Amino acid sequence: MSIRALQRPAPAGLHAGAPLTRLASVGQVYALVAADMEASEKSLDELLGETIPAVSEIGRYLAASGGKRVRPLLTALGARAVGFEGPVDRMMCAGELAHLGSLLHDDVVDDSLERRGRPTAQQVFTNPGVILTGDFCVATAMTIAAEEGGLDAVLTLARTVQLMSEGEVSQLLNRGNLDLSLSAYHDVIQKKSAALIAWCVSVGARKVGDQVAVEALERFGNSIGIAFQITDDVLDYTGDRALTGKRVGQDLLERKLTLPLLLAFDRNPALRERLATPPTPAELPELLELVRASGAPEAALAEARVRVEAGITALKVLPDSPTRSGLITLAHYLVERAS
């Protein structure tokens, strides 16, 4: 897996106010659990291969398309930060499989054409096979959680998948609703994105039975999960397709109500009127510039940084260790990649 290092010589612009941490790059964070990450990647490939060829091909197609593997990385760091010493690679796969299953389903629901610079799976394999492969991924995630973490792990993952589904349905029902509230937006991203990240980073603490650490890591995961999604939403406006895997302005073209656009509506009410009718691709450059000129992307990123700091504060109950520092560095990276 390739992870871009943080370059932090002199914070400026969107970087301003972003704190340095003891571990200077995500590459160094990855190195802390490199053996776990390599074992997890091998286990993921094996798990996706233990089924009929069609399901294996679809699952591996998405898994090989360049995902960041943030969830397995968080699972490994969280487990090692609470002192778990046994193999964790299969548990790392549980969160990633739940994530892959949700992506397969999302692309069908959204009729997406591209993910991470490649045609989406349903464009290659058609909807029925992709939907059923998504089901396979989620079911396998549950099986692995039960086998590796026991009843508590699988119950909490099941509840997490319920929340993810609720978030997806809420987002679907509010598609094109330009009056969506900020609280409704935050509820959707907490359920869709943050809940699974919170489960991944805390499952190791569940495995060792440390309830204090479970609660701290869940708070951390929820905070950085929201920050992670806000940053992805900002990137739709600030423009780095390599980080999001989608075209710049795609959310805006679809009138997807994300934090930058909601804040831009408050700062420039005429934008809401402009988007009452779905925009054409020819209008996109002008609309992007209006959102950027409002300062909304920077304001959204500032909120993401506040969420990160709240998450880091929750980690104070954990013993000082390289892996705890790794969690802190990764938390900052998830926001600063937009700079």
C-alpha atoms as a PDB file:
ATOM      1  CA  MET A   1       0.000   0.000   0.000  1.00  0.00           C
ATOM      2  CA  SER A   2       1.279   3.443  -0.896  1.00  0.00           C
ATOM      3  CA  ILE A   3       0.716   6.212   1.636  1.00  0.00           C
ATOM      4  CA  ARG A   4       1.706   9.787   0.904  1.00  0.00           C
ATOM      5  CA  ALA A   5       3.880  11.399   3.588  1.00  0.00           C
ATOM      6  CA  LEU A   6       2.824  14.599   5.252  1.00  0.00           C
ATOM      7  CA  GLN A   7       4.945  17.544   4.244  1.00  0.00           C
ATOM      8  CA  ARG A   8       4.850  20.007   7.144  1.00  0.00           C
ATOM      9  CA  PRO A   9       7.786  22.466   6.911  1.00  0.00           C
ATOM     10  CA  ALA A  10       5.867  25.753   7.224  1.00  0.00           C
ATOM     11  CA  PRO A  11       2.084  25.681   7.639  1.00  0.00           C
ATOM     12  CA  ALA A  12       0.323  28.231   5.452  1.00  0.00           C
ATOM     13  CA  GLY A  13      -3.071  28.726   3.826  1.00  0.00           C
ATOM     14  CA  LEU A  14      -5.289  25.737   4.591  1.00  0.00           C
ATOM     15  CA  HIS A  15      -2.350  24.292   6.548  1.00  0.00           C
ATOM     16  CA  ALA A  16      -2.304  27.213   8.982  1.00  0.00           C
ATOM     17  CA  GLY A  17      -2.944  26.171  12.559  1.00  0.00           C
ATOM     18  CA  ALA A  18      -2.334  22.472  11.883  1.00  0.00           C
ATOM     19  CA  PRO A  19      -0.158  21.101  14.702  1.00  0.00           C
ATOM     20  CA  LEU A  20       2.919  18.959  14.239  1.00  0.00           C
ATOM     21  CA  THR A  21       3.116  15.564  15.927  1.00  0.00           C
ATOM     22  CA  ARG A  22       5.991  13.395  17.050  1.00  0.00           C
ATOM     23  CA  LEU A  23       5.668  11.076  14.066  1.00  0.00           C
ATOM     24  CA  ALA A  24       6.249  13.251  11.009  1.00  0.00           C
ATOM     25  CA  SER A  25       4.576  11.213   8.289  1.00  0.00           C
ATOM     26  CA  VAL A  26       1.889   8.673   7.563  1.00  0.00           C
ATOM     27  CA  GLY A  27       4.635   6.486   6.136  1.00  0.00           C
ATOM     28  CA  GLN A  28       6.149   6.270   9.610  1.00  0.00           C
ATOM     29  CA  VAL A  29       2.743   5.425  11.057  1.00  0.00           C
ATOM     30  CA  TYR A  30       2.339   2.621   8.543  1.00  0.00           C
ATOM     31  CA  ALA A  31       5.798   1.323   9.462  1.00  0.00           C
ATOM     32  CA  LEU A  32       4.640   0.825  13.060  1.00  0.00           C
ATOM     33  CA  VAL A  33       2.207  -1.883  11.954  1.00  0.00           C
ATOM     34  CA  ALA A  34       3.662  -2.810   8.556  1.00  0.00           C
ATOM     35  CA  ALA A  35       3.658  -6.538   9.305  1.00  0.00           C
ATOM     36  CA  ASP A  36       0.002  -6.366  10.350  1.00  0.00           C
ATOM     37  CA  MET A  37      -0.918  -4.419   7.210  1.00  0.00           C
ATOM     38  CA  GLU A  38       0.838  -6.884   4.939  1.00  0.00           C
ATOM     39  CA  ALA A  39      -0.792  -9.847   6.680  1.00  0.00           C
ATOM     40  CA  SER A  40      -4.178  -8.134   6.463  1.00  0.00           C
ATOM     41  CA  GLU A  41      -3.826  -7.522   2.728  1.00  0.00           C
ATOM     42  CA  LYS A  42      -3.020 -11.199   2.208  1.00  0.00           C
ATOM     43  CA  SER A  43      -5.957 -12.265   4.387  1.00  0.00           C
ATOM     44  CA  LEU A  44      -8.311  -9.925   2.548  1.00  0.00           C
ATOM     45  CA  ASP A  45      -7.334 -11.426  -0.786  1.00  0.00           C
ATOM     46  CA  GLU A  46      -7.821 -14.935   0.604  1.00  0.00           C
ATOM     47  CA  LEU A  47     -11.228 -14.103   2.071  1.00  0.00           C
ATOM     48  CA  LEU A  48     -12.403 -12.640  -1.204  1.00  0.00           C
ATOM     49  CA  GLY A  49     -11.128 -15.733  -2.980  1.00  0.00           C
ATOM     50  CA  GLU A  50     -13.015 -18.206  -0.777  1.00  0.00           C
ATOM     51  CA  THR A  51     -16.218 -18.046  -2.803  1.00  0.00           C
ATOM     52  CA  ILE A  52     -17.548 -18.650  -6.289  1.00  0.00           C
ATOM     53  CA  PRO A  53     -15.420 -17.120  -9.067  1.00  0.00           C
ATOM     54  CA  ALA A  54     -17.881 -14.354  -9.998  1.00  0.00           C
ATOM     55  CA  VAL A  55     -18.092 -13.004  -6.442  1.00  0.00           C
ATOM     56  CA  SER A  56     -14.336 -13.302  -6.038  1.00  0.00           C
ATOM     57  CA  GLU A  57     -13.718 -11.364  -9.245  1.00  0.00           C
ATOM     58  CA  ILE A  58     -16.054  -8.519  -8.310  1.00  0.00           C
ATOM     59  CA  GLY A  59     -14.758  -8.246  -4.747  1.00  0.00           C
ATOM     60  CA  ARG A  60     -11.135  -8.289  -5.813  1.00  0.00           C
ATOM     61  CA  TYR A  61     -11.841  -5.735  -8.559  1.00  0.00           C
ATOM     62  CA  LEU A  62     -12.921  -3.169  -5.968  1.00  0.00           C
ATOM     63  CA  ALA A  63     -10.331  -4.169  -3.359  1.00  0.00           C
ATOM     64  CA  ALA A  64      -7.530  -3.746  -5.908  1.00  0.00           C
ATOM     65  CA  SER A  65      -8.665  -0.318  -7.088  1.00  0.00           C
ATOM     66  CA  GLY A  66      -6.442   1.712  -4.776  1.00  0.00           C
ATOM     67  CA  GLY A  67      -8.321   2.259  -1.514  1.00  0.00           C
ATOM     68  CA  LYS A  68      -6.490   3.950   1.344  1.00  0.00           C
ATOM     69  CA  ARG A  69      -7.014   1.029   3.771  1.00  0.00           C
ATOM     70  CA  VAL A  70      -7.582   3.552   6.563  1.00  0.00           C
ATOM     71  CA  ARG A  71      -9.876   1.192   8.455  1.00  0.00           C
ATOM     72  CA  PRO A  72      -7.425  -1.734   8.689  1.00  0.00           C
ATOM     73  CA  LEU A  73      -4.691   0.715   9.673  1.00  0.00           C
ATOM     74  CA  LEU A  74      -6.853   2.130  12.466  1.00  0.00           C
ATOM     75  CA  THR A  75      -7.746  -1.381  13.647  1.00  0.00           C
ATOM     76  CA  ALA A  76      -4.078  -2.338  13.916  1.00  0.00           C
ATOM     77  CA  LEU A  77      -3.033   0.898  15.632  1.00  0.00           C
ATOM     78  CA  GLY A  78      -5.933   0.757  18.088  1.00  0.00           C
ATOM     79  CA  ALA A  79      -5.242  -2.861  19.009  1.00  0.00           C
ATOM     80  CA  ARG A  80      -1.525  -2.292  19.525  1.00  0.00           C
ATOM     81  CA  ALA A  81      -2.148   0.926  21.468  1.00  0.00           C
ATOM     82  CA  VAL A  82      -4.078  -1.063  24.114  1.00  0.00           C
ATOM     83  CA  GLY A  83      -1.419  -3.751  24.311  1.00  0.00           C
ATOM     84  CA  PHE A  84      -2.967  -6.524  22.244  1.00  0.00           C
ATOM     85  CA  GLU A  85      -0.108  -8.737  21.055  1.00  0.00           C
ATOM     86  CA  GLY A  86      -1.767 -11.520  19.057  1.00  0.00           C
ATOM     87  CA  PRO A  87      -2.576 -11.694  15.324  1.00  0.00           C
ATOM     88  CA  VAL A  88      -5.002  -8.970  14.291  1.00  0.00           C
ATOM     89  CA  ASP A  89      -4.951  -9.276  10.482  1.00  0.00           C
ATOM     90  CA  ARG A  90      -8.309 -11.037  10.127  1.00  0.00           C
ATOM     91  CA  MET A  91     -10.031  -8.584  12.447  1.00  0.00           C
ATOM     92  CA  MET A  92      -8.573  -5.801  10.298  1.00  0.00           C
ATOM     93  CA  CYS A  93     -10.386  -7.392   7.351  1.00  0.00           C
ATOM     94  CA  ALA A  94     -13.778  -7.226   9.071  1.00  0.00           C
ATOM     95  CA  GLY A  95     -14.019  -3.450   8.923  1.00  0.00           C
ATOM     96  CA  GLU A  96     -12.584  -3.290   5.419  1.00  0.00           C
ATOM     97  CA  LEU A  97     -15.036  -5.900   4.114  1.00  0.00           C
ATOM     98  CA  ALA A  98     -17.968  -4.000   5.634  1.00  0.00           C
ATOM     99  CA  HIS A  99     -16.615  -0.889   3.924  1.00  0.00           C
ATOM    100  CA  LEU A 100     -16.176  -2.642   0.559  1.00  0.00           C
ATOM    101  CA  GLY A 101     -19.703  -4.025   0.755  1.00  0.00           C
ATOM    102  CA  SER A 102     -21.096  -0.551   1.409  1.00  0.00           C
ATOM    103  CA  LEU A 103     -19.146   0.881  -1.544  1.00  0.00           C
ATOM    104  CA  LEU A 104     -20.518  -1.766  -3.894  1.00  0.00           C
ATOM    105  CA  HIS A 105     -24.053  -1.004  -2.755  1.00  0.00           C
ATOM    106  CA  ASP A 106     -23.495   2.785  -2.877  1.00  0.00           C
ATOM    107  CA  ASP A 107     -22.331   2.702  -6.471  1.00  0.00           C
ATOM    108  CA  VAL A 108     -25.445   0.805  -7.526  1.00  0.00           C
ATOM    109  CA  VAL A 109     -27.755   3.175  -5.626  1.00  0.00           C
ATOM    110  CA  ASP A 110     -25.981   6.246  -7.044  1.00  0.00           C
ATOM    111  CA  ASP A 111     -25.525   4.732 -10.516  1.00  0.00           C
ATOM    112  CA  SER A 112     -21.913   5.908 -10.288  1.00  0.00           C
ATOM    113  CA  LEU A 113     -19.680   5.679 -13.331  1.00  0.00           C
ATOM    114  CA  GLU A 114     -16.266   5.895 -11.675  1.00  0.00           C
ATOM    115  CA  ARG A 115     -14.570   5.071  -8.389  1.00  0.00           C
ATOM    116  CA  ARG A 116     -10.895   5.786  -7.773  1.00  0.00           C
ATOM    117  CA  GLY A 117     -10.336   6.558 -11.438  1.00  0.00           C
ATOM    118  CA  ARG A 118     -11.734   3.264 -12.725  1.00  0.00           C
ATOM    119  CA  PRO A 119     -15.198   2.233 -13.948  1.00  0.00           C
ATOM    120  CA  THR A 120     -17.346   1.244 -10.987  1.00  0.00           C
ATOM    121  CA  ALA A 121     -17.949  -2.454 -10.486  1.00  0.00           C
ATOM    122  CA  GLN A 122     -21.530  -2.353 -11.731  1.00  0.00           C
ATOM    123  CA  GLN A 123     -20.357  -0.757 -14.978  1.00  0.00           C
ATOM    124  CA  VAL A 124     -18.177  -3.833 -15.513  1.00  0.00           C
ATOM    125  CA  PHE A 125     -20.183  -6.638 -13.892  1.00  0.00           C
ATOM    126  CA  THR A 126     -23.820  -5.304 -13.861  1.00  0.00           C
ATOM    127  CA  ASN A 127     -25.998  -4.561 -10.842  1.00  0.00           C
ATOM    128  CA  PRO A 128     -27.223  -8.015  -9.703  1.00  0.00           C
ATOM    129  CA  GLY A 129     -23.756  -9.507  -9.246  1.00  0.00           C
ATOM    130  CA  VAL A 130     -22.443  -6.344  -7.577  1.00  0.00           C
ATOM    131  CA  ILE A 131     -25.344  -6.179  -5.104  1.00  0.00           C
ATOM    132  CA  LEU A 132     -24.922  -9.816  -4.127  1.00  0.00           C
ATOM    133  CA  THR A 133     -21.147  -9.425  -3.825  1.00  0.00           C
ATOM    134  CA  GLY A 134     -21.747  -6.481  -1.502  1.00  0.00           C
ATOM    135  CA  ASP A 135     -23.975  -8.749   0.591  1.00  0.00           C
ATOM    136  CA  PHE A 136     -21.188 -11.362   0.629  1.00  0.00           C
ATOM    137  CA  CYS A 137     -18.641  -8.799   1.847  1.00  0.00           C
ATOM    138  CA  VAL A 138     -20.870  -7.609   4.692  1.00  0.00           C
ATOM    139  CA  ALA A 139     -21.785 -11.172   5.723  1.00  0.00           C
ATOM    140  CA  THR A 140     -18.127 -12.188   5.700  1.00  0.00           C
ATOM    141  CA  ALA A 141     -17.286  -9.150   7.832  1.00  0.00           C
ATOM    142  CA  MET A 142     -19.815 -10.359  10.422  1.00  0.00           C
ATOM    143  CA  THR A 143     -18.403 -13.880  10.353  1.00  0.00           C
ATOM    144  CA  ILE A 144     -14.837 -12.656  10.877  1.00  0.00           C
ATOM    145  CA  ALA A 145     -15.914 -10.328  13.695  1.00  0.00           C
ATOM    146  CA  ALA A 146     -17.602 -13.246  15.468  1.00  0.00           C
ATOM    147  CA  GLU A 147     -14.664 -15.595  14.971  1.00  0.00           C
ATOM    148  CA  GLU A 148     -11.987 -13.106  15.974  1.00  0.00           C
ATOM    149  CA  GLY A 149     -13.719 -10.891  18.528  1.00  0.00           C
ATOM    150  CA  GLY A 150     -16.616 -12.886  19.901  1.00  0.00           C
ATOM    151  CA  LEU A 151     -20.188 -11.841  20.659  1.00  0.00           C
ATOM    152  CA  ASP A 152     -19.473  -8.231  21.612  1.00  0.00           C
ATOM    153  CA  ALA A 153     -17.487  -7.564  18.444  1.00  0.00           C
ATOM    154  CA  VAL A 154     -20.088  -9.015  16.090  1.00  0.00           C
ATOM    155  CA  LEU A 155     -23.042  -7.371  17.875  1.00  0.00           C
ATOM    156  CA  THR A 156     -21.419  -3.958  17.746  1.00  0.00           C
ATOM    157  CA  LEU A 157     -20.472  -4.436  14.088  1.00  0.00           C
ATOM    158  CA  ALA A 158     -24.060  -5.437  13.302  1.00  0.00           C
ATOM    159  CA  ARG A 159     -25.301  -2.258  14.981  1.00  0.00           C
ATOM    160  CA  THR A 160     -22.715  -0.289  13.027  1.00  0.00           C
ATOM    161  CA  VAL A 161     -23.945  -1.716   9.726  1.00  0.00           C
ATOM    162  CA  GLN A 162     -27.486  -0.771  10.770  1.00  0.00           C
ATOM    163  CA  LEU A 163     -26.338   2.814  11.305  1.00  0.00           C
ATOM    164  CA  MET A 164     -24.547   2.825   7.950  1.00  0.00           C
ATOM    165  CA  SER A 165     -27.758   1.685   6.247  1.00  0.00           C
ATOM    166  CA  GLU A 166     -29.788   4.355   8.048  1.00  0.00           C
ATOM    167  CA  GLY A 167     -27.310   6.993   6.909  1.00  0.00           C
ATOM    168  CA  GLU A 168     -27.513   5.794   3.317  1.00  0.00           C
ATOM    169  CA  VAL A 169     -31.319   5.842   3.335  1.00  0.00           C
ATOM    170  CA  SER A 170     -31.381   9.347   4.852  1.00  0.00           C
ATOM    171  CA  GLN A 171     -28.955  10.579   2.221  1.00  0.00           C
ATOM    172  CA  LEU A 172     -31.012   8.991  -0.546  1.00  0.00           C
ATOM    173  CA  LEU A 173     -34.280  10.514   0.701  1.00  0.00           C
ATOM    174  CA  ASN A 174     -32.662  13.953   0.939  1.00  0.00           C
ATOM    175  CA  ARG A 175     -31.124  13.863  -2.530  1.00  0.00           C
ATOM    176  CA  GLY A 176     -31.751  17.239  -4.130  1.00  0.00           C
ATOM    177  CA  ASN A 177     -33.192  18.687  -0.892  1.00  0.00           C
ATOM    178  CA  LEU A 178     -31.541  22.099  -0.839  1.00  0.00           C
ATOM    179  CA  ASP A 179     -33.093  22.840   2.565  1.00  0.00           C
ATOM    180  CA  LEU A 180     -31.174  20.067   4.329  1.00  0.00           C
ATOM    181  CA  SER A 181     -30.082  21.217   7.789  1.00  0.00           C
ATOM    182  CA  LEU A 182     -26.559  21.080   9.166  1.00  0.00           C
ATOM    183  CA  SER A 183     -27.725  18.711  11.895  1.00  0.00           C
ATOM    184  CA  ALA A 184     -29.182  16.345   9.280  1.00  0.00           C
ATOM    185  CA  TYR A 185     -25.903  16.431   7.339  1.00  0.00           C
ATOM    186  CA  HIS A 186     -23.884  15.619  10.457  1.00  0.00           C
ATOM    187  CA  ASP A 187     -26.266  12.791  11.350  1.00  0.00           C
ATOM    188  CA  VAL A 188     -25.781  11.235   7.908  1.00  0.00           C
ATOM    189  CA  ILE A 189     -21.974  11.344   7.950  1.00  0.00           C
ATOM    190  CA  GLN A 190     -21.803  10.116  11.547  1.00  0.00           C
ATOM    191  CA  LYS A 191     -23.794   7.055  10.562  1.00  0.00           C
ATOM    192  CA  LYS A 192     -22.364   6.516   7.069  1.00  0.00           C
ATOM    193  CA  SER A 193     -18.688   7.098   7.795  1.00  0.00           C
ATOM    194  CA  ALA A 194     -17.795   7.693  11.419  1.00  0.00           C
ATOM    195  CA  ALA A 195     -19.591   4.716  12.982  1.00  0.00           C
ATOM    196  CA  LEU A 196     -17.496   2.139  11.124  1.00  0.00           C
ATOM    197  CA  ILE A 197     -14.258   4.001  11.786  1.00  0.00           C
ATOM    198  CA  ALA A 198     -15.141   4.083  15.498  1.00  0.00           C
ATOM    199  CA  TRP A 199     -15.767   0.327  15.477  1.00  0.00           C
ATOM    200  CA  CYS A 200     -12.509  -0.410  13.664  1.00  0.00           C
ATOM    201  CA  VAL A 201     -10.273   1.581  15.984  1.00  0.00           C
ATOM    202  CA  SER A 202     -11.937   0.285  19.176  1.00  0.00           C
ATOM    203  CA  VAL A 203     -12.402  -3.415  18.390  1.00  0.00           C
ATOM    204  CA  GLY A 204      -8.948  -4.317  19.726  1.00  0.00           C
ATOM    205  CA  ALA A 205      -9.857  -2.794  23.075  1.00  0.00           C
ATOM    206  CA  ARG A 206     -13.028  -4.897  23.073  1.00  0.00           C
ATOM    207  CA  LYS A 207     -10.878  -7.952  22.447  1.00  0.00           C
ATOM    208  CA  VAL A 208      -8.750  -7.283  25.544  1.00  0.00           C
ATOM    209  CA  GLY A 209     -11.775  -6.265  27.653  1.00  0.00           C
ATOM    210  CA  ASP A 210     -10.649  -2.697  28.398  1.00  0.00           C
ATOM    211  CA  GLN A 211     -13.918  -0.761  28.551  1.00  0.00           C
ATOM    212  CA  VAL A 212     -12.252   2.562  29.367  1.00  0.00           C
ATOM    213  CA  ALA A 213     -10.128   2.231  26.250  1.00  0.00           C
ATOM    214  CA  VAL A 214     -13.159   1.130  24.201  1.00  0.00           C
ATOM    215  CA  GLU A 215     -15.020   4.318  25.107  1.00  0.00           C
ATOM    216  CA  ALA A 216     -11.990   6.524  24.476  1.00  0.00           C
ATOM    217  CA  LEU A 217     -11.243   4.955  21.104  1.00  0.00           C
ATOM    218  CA  GLU A 218     -14.892   5.122  20.063  1.00  0.00           C
ATOM    219  CA  ARG A 219     -14.920   8.865  20.833  1.00  0.00           C
ATOM    220  CA  PHE A 220     -11.691   9.227  18.885  1.00  0.00           C
ATOM    221  CA  GLY A 221     -13.054   7.218  15.954  1.00  0.00           C
ATOM    222  CA  ASN A 222     -16.335   9.097  15.771  1.00  0.00           C
ATOM    223  CA  SER A 223     -14.536  12.448  15.853  1.00  0.00           C
ATOM    224  CA  ILE A 224     -11.962  11.637  13.196  1.00  0.00           C
ATOM    225  CA  GLY A 225     -14.533   9.763  11.122  1.00  0.00           C
ATOM    226  CA  ILE A 226     -16.624  12.913  10.848  1.00  0.00           C
ATOM    227  CA  ALA A 227     -13.475  14.934  10.113  1.00  0.00           C
ATOM    228  CA  PHE A 228     -12.460  12.401   7.449  1.00  0.00           C
ATOM    229  CA  GLN A 229     -15.799  12.732   5.642  1.00  0.00           C
ATOM    230  CA  ILE A 230     -15.839  16.520   5.894  1.00  0.00           C
ATOM    231  CA  THR A 231     -12.363  16.573   4.357  1.00  0.00           C
ATOM    232  CA  ASP A 232     -13.488  14.332   1.489  1.00  0.00           C
ATOM    233  CA  ASP A 233     -16.359  16.767   0.936  1.00  0.00           C
ATOM    234  CA  VAL A 234     -13.934  19.703   0.915  1.00  0.00           C
ATOM    235  CA  LEU A 235     -11.742  17.953  -1.635  1.00  0.00           C
ATOM    236  CA  ASP A 236     -14.650  18.006  -4.084  1.00  0.00           C
ATOM    237  CA  TYR A 237     -14.136  21.783  -4.172  1.00  0.00           C
ATOM    238  CA  THR A 238     -10.398  22.216  -3.605  1.00  0.00           C
ATOM    239  CA  GLY A 239      -9.497  19.678  -6.225  1.00  0.00           C
ATOM    240  CA  ASP A 240      -7.286  16.624  -5.851  1.00  0.00           C
ATOM    241  CA  ARG A 241      -8.802  13.709  -7.695  1.00  0.00           C
ATOM    242  CA  ALA A 242      -5.881  11.490  -6.641  1.00  0.00           C
ATOM    243  CA  LEU A 243      -7.092  11.713  -3.040  1.00  0.00           C
ATOM    244  CA  THR A 244     -10.807  11.142  -3.627  1.00  0.00           C
ATOM    245  CA  GLY A 245     -10.949   9.011  -6.758  1.00  0.00           C
ATOM    246  CA  LYS A 246     -13.679  11.187  -8.264  1.00  0.00           C
ATOM    247  CA  ARG A 247     -13.856  14.205 -10.527  1.00  0.00           C
ATOM    248  CA  VAL A 248     -13.554  17.631  -8.906  1.00  0.00           C
ATOM    249  CA  GLY A 249     -17.000  19.177  -8.554  1.00  0.00           C
ATOM    250  CA  GLN A 250     -18.885  15.900  -8.882  1.00  0.00           C
ATOM    251  CA  ASP A 251     -20.787  16.470  -5.615  1.00  0.00           C
ATOM    252  CA  LEU A 252     -21.717  19.975  -6.733  1.00  0.00           C
ATOM    253  CA  LEU A 253     -22.859  18.763 -10.146  1.00  0.00           C
ATOM    254  CA  GLU A 254     -25.112  16.236  -8.394  1.00  0.00           C
ATOM    255  CA  ARG A 255     -26.285  18.922  -5.921  1.00  0.00           C
ATOM    256  CA  LYS A 256     -25.055  16.759  -3.067  1.00  0.00           C
ATOM    257  CA  LEU A 257     -25.545  18.655   0.174  1.00  0.00           C
ATOM    258  CA  THR A 258     -22.193  18.519   1.940  1.00  0.00           C
ATOM    259  CA  LEU A 259     -20.767  20.860   4.556  1.00  0.00           C
ATOM    260  CA  PRO A 260     -18.891  23.167   2.132  1.00  0.00           C
ATOM    261  CA  LEU A 261     -22.047  23.729   0.082  1.00  0.00           C
ATOM    262  CA  LEU A 262     -24.279  24.189   3.127  1.00  0.00           C
ATOM    263  CA  LEU A 263     -21.876  26.792   4.511  1.00  0.00           C
ATOM    264  CA  ALA A 264     -21.660  28.440   1.093  1.00  0.00           C
ATOM    265  CA  PHE A 265     -25.472  28.743   1.031  1.00  0.00           C
ATOM    266  CA  ASP A 266     -25.328  30.675   4.315  1.00  0.00           C
ATOM    267  CA  ARG A 267     -22.622  32.988   2.974  1.00  0.00           C
ATOM    268  CA  ASN A 268     -24.086  33.430  -0.509  1.00  0.00           C
ATOM    269  CA  PRO A 269     -27.862  32.753  -0.553  1.00  0.00           C
ATOM    270  CA  ALA A 270     -27.965  33.296  -4.319  1.00  0.00           C
ATOM    271  CA  LEU A 271     -26.160  29.966  -4.702  1.00  0.00           C
ATOM    272  CA  ARG A 272     -29.184  28.096  -3.397  1.00  0.00           C
ATOM    273  CA  GLU A 273     -31.326  29.793  -6.026  1.00  0.00           C
ATOM    274  CA  ARG A 274     -28.809  28.951  -8.765  1.00  0.00           C
ATOM    275  CA  LEU A 275     -28.926  25.282  -7.805  1.00  0.00           C
ATOM    276  CA  ALA A 276     -32.711  25.054  -7.688  1.00  0.00           C
ATOM    277  CA  THR A 277     -32.315  23.681 -11.216  1.00  0.00           C
ATOM    278  CA  PRO A 278     -29.676  20.949 -11.697  1.00  0.00           C
ATOM    279  CA  PRO A 279     -26.554  22.589 -13.150  1.00  0.00           C
ATOM    280  CA  THR A 280     -24.963  21.615 -16.442  1.00  0.00           C
ATOM    281  CA  PRO A 281     -21.275  20.643 -16.732  1.00  0.00           C
ATOM    282  CA  ALA A 282     -20.683  23.951 -18.510  1.00  0.00           C
ATOM    283  CA  GLU A 283     -21.820  25.838 -15.398  1.00  0.00           C
ATOM    284  CA  LEU A 284     -19.589  23.866 -13.050  1.00  0.00           C
ATOM    285  CA  PRO A 285     -16.400  26.030 -13.186  1.00  0.00           C
ATOM    286  CA  GLU A 286     -18.342  29.173 -12.278  1.00  0.00           C
ATOM    287  CA  LEU A 287     -20.260  27.453  -9.477  1.00  0.00           C
ATOM    288  CA  LEU A 288     -17.071  25.963  -8.046  1.00  0.00           C
ATOM    289  CA  GLU A 289     -15.502  29.411  -7.997  1.00  0.00           C
ATOM    290  CA  LEU A 290     -18.524  30.868  -6.186  1.00  0.00           C
ATOM    291  CA  VAL A 291     -18.271  28.226  -3.464  1.00  0.00           C
ATOM    292  CA  ARG A 292     -14.510  28.733  -3.122  1.00  0.00           C
ATOM    293  CA  ALA A 293     -14.885  32.534  -3.041  1.00  0.00           C
ATOM    294  CA  SER A 294     -17.331  32.229  -0.141  1.00  0.00           C
ATOM    295  CA  GLY A 295     -14.612  30.729   2.058  1.00  0.00           C
ATOM    296  CA  ALA A 296     -16.853  27.750   2.820  1.00  0.00           C
ATOM    297  CA  PRO A 297     -14.239  25.050   2.090  1.00  0.00           C
ATOM    298  CA  GLU A 298     -11.809  26.641   4.569  1.00  0.00           C
ATOM    299  CA  ALA A 299     -14.579  26.972   7.167  1.00  0.00           C
ATOM    300  CA  ALA A 300     -15.519  23.305   6.726  1.00  0.00           C
ATOM    301  CA  LEU A 301     -11.900  22.276   7.090  1.00  0.00           C
ATOM    302  CA  ALA A 302     -11.656  24.335  10.267  1.00  0.00           C
ATOM    303  CA  GLU A 303     -14.556  22.338  11.692  1.00  0.00           C
ATOM    304  CA  ALA A 304     -12.809  19.117  10.708  1.00  0.00           C
ATOM    305  CA  ARG A 305      -9.717  20.242  12.627  1.00  0.00           C
ATOM    306  CA  VAL A 306     -11.819  20.927  15.711  1.00  0.00           C
ATOM    307  CA  ARG A 307     -13.210  17.389  15.463  1.00  0.00           C
ATOM    308  CA  VAL A 308      -9.686  15.986  15.204  1.00  0.00           C
ATOM    309  CA  GLU A 309      -8.569  17.833  18.324  1.00  0.00           C
ATOM    310  CA  ALA A 310     -11.580  16.507  20.238  1.00  0.00           C
ATOM    311  CA  GLY A 311     -10.700  12.987  19.145  1.00  0.00           C
ATOM    312  CA  ILE A 312      -7.073  13.376  20.182  1.00  0.00           C
ATOM    313  CA  THR A 313      -8.150  14.620  23.600  1.00  0.00           C
ATOM    314  CA  ALA A 314     -10.059  11.360  24.094  1.00  0.00           C
ATOM    315  CA  LEU A 315      -6.808   9.398  23.652  1.00  0.00           C
ATOM    316  CA  LYS A 316      -5.252  10.875  26.799  1.00  0.00           C
ATOM    317  CA  VAL A 317      -6.508   7.935  28.866  1.00  0.00           C
ATOM    318  CA  LEU A 318      -4.345   5.541  26.830  1.00  0.00           C
ATOM    319  CA  PRO A 319      -0.727   4.916  27.846  1.00  0.00           C
ATOM    320  CA  ASP A 320       1.866   6.848  25.876  1.00  0.00           C
ATOM    321  CA  SER A 321       3.232   4.692  23.061  1.00  0.00           C
ATOM    322  CA  PRO A 322       4.380   4.927  19.446  1.00  0.00           C
ATOM    323  CA  THR A 323       1.043   3.534  18.274  1.00  0.00           C
ATOM    324  CA  ARG A 324      -0.924   6.138  20.230  1.00  0.00           C
ATOM    325  CA  SER A 325       1.271   8.787  18.584  1.00  0.00           C
ATOM    326  CA  GLY A 326       0.557   7.049  15.301  1.00  0.00           C
ATOM    327  CA  LEU A 327      -3.176   7.492  15.841  1.00  0.00           C
ATOM    328  CA  ILE A 328      -2.610  11.198  16.464  1.00  0.00           C
ATOM    329  CA  THR A 329      -0.515  11.635  13.324  1.00  0.00           C
ATOM    330  CA  LEU A 330      -3.038   9.732  11.231  1.00  0.00           C
ATOM    331  CA  ALA A 331      -5.861  11.886  12.610  1.00  0.00           C
ATOM    332  CA  HIS A 332      -4.068  15.047  11.496  1.00  0.00           C
ATOM    333  CA  TYR A 333      -3.286  13.541   8.096  1.00  0.00           C
ATOM    334  CA  LEU A 334      -6.926  12.717   7.411  1.00  0.00           C
ATOM    335  CA  VAL A 335      -7.630  16.477   7.465  1.00  0.00           C
ATOM    336  CA  GLU A 336      -4.364  17.956   6.219  1.00  0.00           C
ATOM    337  CA  ARG A 337      -4.435  15.886   3.006  1.00  0.00           C
ATOM    338  CA  ALA A 338      -6.868  18.564   1.779  1.00  0.00           C
ATOM    339  CA  SER A 339      -4.188  21.252   2.060  1.00  0.00           C
END
